[in-house]
Amino acid sequence: MQCCISEEQAAGWALREVVERWHQLCKGSVPSQRFICGETLDSAELARLAEVADGWRARLMDGTVIHYPPA
């Protein structure tokens, strides 16, 4: 699946929106799943999730999300 997302649009997404969009395509990580479920992350976990989400945002923009069929 290829999607067209502009840099301007993606730059305006809050952390929650990036994670939610990523989870529509991929499983995410344990911290991202906890974040979406409303669990409190400590400052280090939240900082790391923000770093990872920046990479997800870039991949969502450039369409490099690879889908593998279920095994």
PDB file of N, CA and C in Angstrom:
ATOM      1  N   MET A   1       0.838  -1.167   0.000  1.00  0.00           N
ATOM      2  CA  MET A   1       0.000   0.000   0.000  1.00  0.00           C
ATOM      3  C   MET A   1       0.889   1.237   0.000  1.00  0.00           C
ATOM      4  N   GLN A   2       0.614   2.142  -0.879  1.00  0.00           N
ATOM      5  CA  GLN A   2       1.361   3.381  -0.975  1.00  0.00           C
ATOM      6  C   GLN A   2       0.429   4.521  -0.588  1.00  0.00           C
ATOM      7  N   CYS A   3       0.897   5.438   0.222  1.00  0.00           N
ATOM      8  CA  CYS A   3       0.065   6.571   0.604  1.00  0.00           C
ATOM      9  C   CYS A   3       0.816   7.861   0.327  1.00  0.00           C
ATOM     10  N   CYS A   4       0.073   8.901   0.059  1.00  0.00           N
ATOM     11  CA  CYS A   4       0.670  10.204  -0.203  1.00  0.00           C
ATOM     12  C   CYS A   4       0.402  11.102   0.984  1.00  0.00           C
ATOM     13  N   ILE A   5       1.426  11.397   1.740  1.00  0.00           N
ATOM     14  CA  ILE A   5       1.312  12.258   2.904  1.00  0.00           C
ATOM     15  C   ILE A   5       2.361  13.343   2.750  1.00  0.00           C
ATOM     16  N   SER A   6       1.922  14.577   2.775  1.00  0.00           N
ATOM     17  CA  SER A   6       2.870  15.676   2.609  1.00  0.00           C
ATOM     18  C   SER A   6       3.682  15.881   3.883  1.00  0.00           C
ATOM     19  N   GLU A   7       4.874  16.444   3.701  1.00  0.00           N
ATOM     20  CA  GLU A   7       5.720  16.749   4.857  1.00  0.00           C
ATOM     21  C   GLU A   7       5.023  17.723   5.787  1.00  0.00           C
ATOM     22  N   GLU A   8       4.372  18.710   5.199  1.00  0.00           N
ATOM     23  CA  GLU A   8       3.675  19.724   5.989  1.00  0.00           C
ATOM     24  C   GLU A   8       2.578  19.091   6.845  1.00  0.00           C
ATOM     25  N   GLN A   9       1.821  18.192   6.240  1.00  0.00           N
ATOM     26  CA  GLN A   9       0.749  17.517   6.974  1.00  0.00           C
ATOM     27  C   GLN A   9       1.329  16.678   8.113  1.00  0.00           C
ATOM     28  N   ALA A  10       2.323  15.859   7.793  1.00  0.00           N
ATOM     29  CA  ALA A  10       2.911  14.967   8.789  1.00  0.00           C
ATOM     30  C   ALA A  10       3.631  15.738   9.894  1.00  0.00           C
ATOM     31  N   ALA A  11       4.220  16.874   9.554  1.00  0.00           N
ATOM     32  CA  ALA A  11       4.926  17.674  10.560  1.00  0.00           C
ATOM     33  C   ALA A  11       3.969  18.207  11.619  1.00  0.00           C
ATOM     34  N   GLY A  12       2.704  18.353  11.266  1.00  0.00           N
ATOM     35  CA  GLY A  12       1.718  18.863  12.204  1.00  0.00           C
ATOM     36  C   GLY A  12       1.116  17.816  13.120  1.00  0.00           C
ATOM     37  N   TRP A  13       1.460  16.545  12.901  1.00  0.00           N
ATOM     38  CA  TRP A  13       0.901  15.483  13.729  1.00  0.00           C
ATOM     39  C   TRP A  13       1.528  15.482  15.116  1.00  0.00           C
ATOM     40  N   ALA A  14       0.695  15.348  16.126  1.00  0.00           N
ATOM     41  CA  ALA A  14       1.171  15.154  17.495  1.00  0.00           C
ATOM     42  C   ALA A  14       1.688  13.718  17.618  1.00  0.00           C
ATOM     43  N   LEU A  15       2.409  13.460  18.679  1.00  0.00           N
ATOM     44  CA  LEU A  15       2.948  12.122  18.920  1.00  0.00           C
ATOM     45  C   LEU A  15       1.853  11.062  18.855  1.00  0.00           C
ATOM     46  N   ARG A  16       0.723  11.322  19.491  1.00  0.00           N
ATOM     47  CA  ARG A  16      -0.371  10.348  19.508  1.00  0.00           C
ATOM     48  C   ARG A  16      -0.840  10.030  18.087  1.00  0.00           C
ATOM     49  N   GLU A  17      -0.959  11.039  17.244  1.00  0.00           N
ATOM     50  CA  GLU A  17      -1.432  10.801  15.883  1.00  0.00           C
ATOM     51  C   GLU A  17      -0.435   9.964  15.080  1.00  0.00           C
ATOM     52  N   VAL A  18       0.853  10.233  15.237  1.00  0.00           N
ATOM     53  CA  VAL A  18       1.875   9.432  14.548  1.00  0.00           C
ATOM     54  C   VAL A  18       1.759   7.970  14.982  1.00  0.00           C
ATOM     55  N   VAL A  19       1.679   7.750  16.288  1.00  0.00           N
ATOM     56  CA  VAL A  19       1.606   6.382  16.814  1.00  0.00           C
ATOM     57  C   VAL A  19       0.330   5.697  16.353  1.00  0.00           C
ATOM     58  N   GLU A  20      -0.794   6.398  16.386  1.00  0.00           N
ATOM     59  CA  GLU A  20      -2.054   5.798  15.934  1.00  0.00           C
ATOM     60  C   GLU A  20      -1.981   5.412  14.466  1.00  0.00           C
ATOM     61  N   ARG A  21      -1.435   6.297  13.637  1.00  0.00           N
ATOM     62  CA  ARG A  21      -1.312   5.994  12.205  1.00  0.00           C
ATOM     63  C   ARG A  21      -0.369   4.807  11.976  1.00  0.00           C
ATOM     64  N   TRP A  22       0.725   4.762  12.739  1.00  0.00           N
ATOM     65  CA  TRP A  22       1.664   3.648  12.605  1.00  0.00           C
ATOM     66  C   TRP A  22       0.993   2.336  12.989  1.00  0.00           C
ATOM     67  N   HIS A  23       0.214   2.375  14.051  1.00  0.00           N
ATOM     68  CA  HIS A  23      -0.467   1.168  14.514  1.00  0.00           C
ATOM     69  C   HIS A  23      -1.526   0.686  13.528  1.00  0.00           C
ATOM     70  N   GLN A  24      -1.992   1.542  12.649  1.00  0.00           N
ATOM     71  CA  GLN A  24      -2.918   1.107  11.606  1.00  0.00           C
ATOM     72  C   GLN A  24      -2.217   0.202  10.600  1.00  0.00           C
ATOM     73  N   LEU A  25      -0.893   0.348  10.513  1.00  0.00           N
ATOM     74  CA  LEU A  25      -0.117  -0.405   9.534  1.00  0.00           C
ATOM     75  C   LEU A  25       0.738  -1.503  10.154  1.00  0.00           C
ATOM     76  N   CYS A  26       1.230  -1.255  11.358  1.00  0.00           N
ATOM     77  CA  CYS A  26       2.162  -2.175  12.013  1.00  0.00           C
ATOM     78  C   CYS A  26       1.790  -2.329  13.488  1.00  0.00           C
ATOM     79  N   LYS A  27       2.357  -3.335  14.103  1.00  0.00           N
ATOM     80  CA  LYS A  27       2.067  -3.614  15.503  1.00  0.00           C
ATOM     81  C   LYS A  27       2.593  -2.538  16.447  1.00  0.00           C
ATOM     82  N   GLY A  28       3.679  -1.893  16.083  1.00  0.00           N
ATOM     83  CA  GLY A  28       4.291  -0.915  16.979  1.00  0.00           C
ATOM     84  C   GLY A  28       5.193  -1.606  17.979  1.00  0.00           C
ATOM     85  N   SER A  29       5.407  -0.957  19.092  1.00  0.00           N
ATOM     86  CA  SER A  29       6.275  -1.485  20.147  1.00  0.00           C
ATOM     87  C   SER A  29       5.480  -1.564  21.439  1.00  0.00           C
ATOM     88  N   VAL A  30       6.045  -2.209  22.424  1.00  0.00           N
ATOM     89  CA  VAL A  30       5.374  -2.294  23.722  1.00  0.00           C
ATOM     90  C   VAL A  30       5.128  -0.892  24.294  1.00  0.00           C
ATOM     91  N   PRO A  31       6.133  -0.003  24.293  1.00  0.00           N
ATOM     92  CA  PRO A  31       5.848   1.342  24.808  1.00  0.00           C
ATOM     93  C   PRO A  31       4.779   2.085  23.998  1.00  0.00           C
ATOM     94  N   SER A  32       4.785   1.918  22.680  1.00  0.00           N
ATOM     95  CA  SER A  32       3.769   2.616  21.884  1.00  0.00           C
ATOM     96  C   SER A  32       2.380   2.051  22.159  1.00  0.00           C
ATOM     97  N   GLN A  33       2.289   0.763  22.372  1.00  0.00           N
ATOM     98  CA  GLN A  33       1.004   0.154  22.713  1.00  0.00           C
ATOM     99  C   GLN A  33       0.527   0.644  24.075  1.00  0.00           C
ATOM    100  N   ARG A  34       1.445   0.731  25.037  1.00  0.00           N
ATOM    101  CA  ARG A  34       1.096   1.246  26.371  1.00  0.00           C
ATOM    102  C   ARG A  34       0.643   2.701  26.281  1.00  0.00           C
ATOM    103  N   PHE A  35       1.342   3.497  25.481  1.00  0.00           N
ATOM    104  CA  PHE A  35       1.012   4.908  25.294  1.00  0.00           C
ATOM    105  C   PHE A  35      -0.404   5.064  24.747  1.00  0.00           C
ATOM    106  N   ILE A  36      -0.737   4.305  23.732  1.00  0.00           N
ATOM    107  CA  ILE A  36      -2.060   4.382  23.117  1.00  0.00           C
ATOM    108  C   ILE A  36      -3.145   3.923  24.090  1.00  0.00           C
ATOM    109  N   CYS A  37      -2.820   2.982  24.949  1.00  0.00           N
ATOM    110  CA  CYS A  37      -3.792   2.487  25.939  1.00  0.00           C
ATOM    111  C   CYS A  37      -3.956   3.443  27.110  1.00  0.00           C
ATOM    112  N   GLY A  38      -3.190   4.527  27.123  1.00  0.00           N
ATOM    113  CA  GLY A  38      -3.335   5.524  28.178  1.00  0.00           C
ATOM    114  C   GLY A  38      -2.485   5.273  29.406  1.00  0.00           C
ATOM    115  N   GLU A  39      -1.599   4.282  29.341  1.00  0.00           N
ATOM    116  CA  GLU A  39      -0.699   4.041  30.469  1.00  0.00           C
ATOM    117  C   GLU A  39       0.344   5.159  30.536  1.00  0.00           C
ATOM    118  N   THR A  40       0.778   5.467  31.719  1.00  0.00           N
ATOM    119  CA  THR A  40       1.784   6.505  31.916  1.00  0.00           C
ATOM    120  C   THR A  40       3.169   5.951  31.607  1.00  0.00           C
ATOM    121  N   LEU A  41       3.906   6.669  30.757  1.00  0.00           N
ATOM    122  CA  LEU A  41       5.292   6.320  30.465  1.00  0.00           C
ATOM    123  C   LEU A  41       6.177   7.274  31.249  1.00  0.00           C
ATOM    124  N   ASP A  42       7.312   6.766  31.754  1.00  0.00           N
ATOM    125  CA  ASP A  42       8.225   7.684  32.433  1.00  0.00           C
ATOM    126  C   ASP A  42       8.906   8.562  31.386  1.00  0.00           C
ATOM    127  N   SER A  43       9.628   9.558  31.825  1.00  0.00           N
ATOM    128  CA  SER A  43      10.198  10.546  30.900  1.00  0.00           C
ATOM    129  C   SER A  43      11.165   9.922  29.897  1.00  0.00           C
ATOM    130  N   ALA A  44      11.934   8.934  30.331  1.00  0.00           N
ATOM    131  CA  ALA A  44      12.874   8.267  29.417  1.00  0.00           C
ATOM    132  C   ALA A  44      12.117   7.471  28.350  1.00  0.00           C
ATOM    133  N   GLU A  45      11.072   6.756  28.769  1.00  0.00           N
ATOM    134  CA  GLU A  45      10.268   5.988  27.805  1.00  0.00           C
ATOM    135  C   GLU A  45       9.591   6.922  26.804  1.00  0.00           C
ATOM    136  N   LEU A  46       9.055   8.021  27.295  1.00  0.00           N
ATOM    137  CA  LEU A  46       8.370   8.970  26.431  1.00  0.00           C
ATOM    138  C   LEU A  46       9.340   9.623  25.446  1.00  0.00           C
ATOM    139  N   ALA A  47      10.537   9.950  25.922  1.00  0.00           N
ATOM    140  CA  ALA A  47      11.555  10.539  25.042  1.00  0.00           C
ATOM    141  C   ALA A  47      11.956   9.553  23.955  1.00  0.00           C
ATOM    142  N   ARG A  48      12.137   8.296  24.338  1.00  0.00           N
ATOM    143  CA  ARG A  48      12.517   7.270  23.352  1.00  0.00           C
ATOM    144  C   ARG A  48      11.391   7.043  22.356  1.00  0.00           C
ATOM    145  N   LEU A  49      10.151   7.011  22.836  1.00  0.00           N
ATOM    146  CA  LEU A  49       9.012   6.835  21.929  1.00  0.00           C
ATOM    147  C   LEU A  49       8.944   7.989  20.933  1.00  0.00           C
ATOM    148  N   ALA A  50       9.202   9.196  21.387  1.00  0.00           N
ATOM    149  CA  ALA A  50       9.203  10.361  20.496  1.00  0.00           C
ATOM    150  C   ALA A  50      10.272  10.214  19.414  1.00  0.00           C
ATOM    151  N   GLU A  51      11.460   9.713  19.788  1.00  0.00           N
ATOM    152  CA  GLU A  51      12.533   9.486  18.812  1.00  0.00           C
ATOM    153  C   GLU A  51      12.105   8.449  17.771  1.00  0.00           C
ATOM    154  N   VAL A  52      11.548   7.350  18.249  1.00  0.00           N
ATOM    155  CA  VAL A  52      11.113   6.274  17.352  1.00  0.00           C
ATOM    156  C   VAL A  52       9.987   6.782  16.440  1.00  0.00           C
ATOM    157  N   ALA A  53       9.074   7.541  17.017  1.00  0.00           N
ATOM    158  CA  ALA A  53       7.944   8.064  16.248  1.00  0.00           C
ATOM    159  C   ALA A  53       8.400   9.023  15.152  1.00  0.00           C
ATOM    160  N   ASP A  54       9.507   9.733  15.374  1.00  0.00           N
ATOM    161  CA  ASP A  54      10.047  10.585  14.314  1.00  0.00           C
ATOM    162  C   ASP A  54      10.447   9.742  13.108  1.00  0.00           C
ATOM    163  N   GLY A  55      11.028   8.573  13.360  1.00  0.00           N
ATOM    164  CA  GLY A  55      11.358   7.655  12.270  1.00  0.00           C
ATOM    165  C   GLY A  55      10.111   7.117  11.600  1.00  0.00           C
ATOM    166  N   TRP A  56       9.104   6.789  12.400  1.00  0.00           N
ATOM    167  CA  TRP A  56       7.833   6.316  11.831  1.00  0.00           C
ATOM    168  C   TRP A  56       7.202   7.394  10.960  1.00  0.00           C
ATOM    169  N   ARG A  57       7.236   8.634  11.438  1.00  0.00           N
ATOM    170  CA  ARG A  57       6.676   9.765  10.681  1.00  0.00           C
ATOM    171  C   ARG A  57       7.363   9.855   9.313  1.00  0.00           C
ATOM    172  N   ALA A  58       8.690   9.751   9.310  1.00  0.00           N
ATOM    173  CA  ALA A  58       9.447   9.820   8.053  1.00  0.00           C
ATOM    174  C   ALA A  58       9.060   8.675   7.127  1.00  0.00           C
ATOM    175  N   ARG A  59       8.916   7.490   7.679  1.00  0.00           N
ATOM    176  CA  ARG A  59       8.539   6.330   6.858  1.00  0.00           C
ATOM    177  C   ARG A  59       7.117   6.449   6.337  1.00  0.00           C
ATOM    178  N   LEU A  60       6.225   7.013   7.134  1.00  0.00           N
ATOM    179  CA  LEU A  60       4.860   7.238   6.667  1.00  0.00           C
ATOM    180  C   LEU A  60       4.839   8.246   5.521  1.00  0.00           C
ATOM    181  N   MET A  61       5.707   9.248   5.581  1.00  0.00           N
ATOM    182  CA  MET A  61       5.773  10.263   4.526  1.00  0.00           C
ATOM    183  C   MET A  61       6.352   9.707   3.231  1.00  0.00           C
ATOM    184  N   ASP A  62       7.411   8.892   3.351  1.00  0.00           N
ATOM    185  CA  ASP A  62       8.068   8.439   2.124  1.00  0.00           C
ATOM    186  C   ASP A  62       7.569   7.086   1.620  1.00  0.00           C
ATOM    187  N   GLY A  63       6.628   6.496   2.339  1.00  0.00           N
ATOM    188  CA  GLY A  63       6.008   5.262   1.869  1.00  0.00           C
ATOM    189  C   GLY A  63       6.875   4.029   2.011  1.00  0.00           C
ATOM    190  N   THR A  64       7.817   4.009   2.952  1.00  0.00           N
ATOM    191  CA  THR A  64       8.704   2.854   3.090  1.00  0.00           C
ATOM    192  C   THR A  64       8.216   1.854   4.116  1.00  0.00           C
ATOM    193  N   VAL A  65       6.933   1.856   4.390  1.00  0.00           N
ATOM    194  CA  VAL A  65       6.362   0.845   5.297  1.00  0.00           C
ATOM    195  C   VAL A  65       6.136  -0.416   4.473  1.00  0.00           C
ATOM    196  N   ILE A  66       6.748  -1.496   4.872  1.00  0.00           N
ATOM    197  CA  ILE A  66       6.646  -2.753   4.137  1.00  0.00           C
ATOM    198  C   ILE A  66       5.647  -3.656   4.833  1.00  0.00           C
ATOM    199  N   HIS A  67       4.729  -4.187   4.054  1.00  0.00           N
ATOM    200  CA  HIS A  67       3.728  -5.100   4.599  1.00  0.00           C
ATOM    201  C   HIS A  67       4.082  -6.515   4.183  1.00  0.00           C
ATOM    202  N   TYR A  68       4.115  -7.390   5.138  1.00  0.00           N
ATOM    203  CA  TYR A  68       4.362  -8.792   4.865  1.00  0.00           C
ATOM    204  C   TYR A  68       3.069  -9.551   5.090  1.00  0.00           C
ATOM    205  N   PRO A  69       2.758 -10.518   4.239  1.00  0.00           N
ATOM    206  CA  PRO A  69       1.533 -11.279   4.448  1.00  0.00           C
ATOM    207  C   PRO A  69       1.651 -12.111   5.735  1.00  0.00           C
ATOM    208  N   PRO A  70       0.511 -12.356   6.406  1.00  0.00           N
ATOM    209  CA  PRO A  70       0.561 -13.171   7.619  1.00  0.00           C
ATOM    210  C   PRO A  70       1.131 -14.552   7.336  1.00  0.00           C
ATOM    211  N   ALA A  71       1.867 -15.072   8.284  1.00  0.00           N
ATOM    212  CA  ALA A  71       2.491 -16.407   8.110  1.00  0.00           C
ATOM    213  C   ALA A  71       1.466 -17.499   8.282  1.00  0.00           C
TER     214      ALA A  71
END
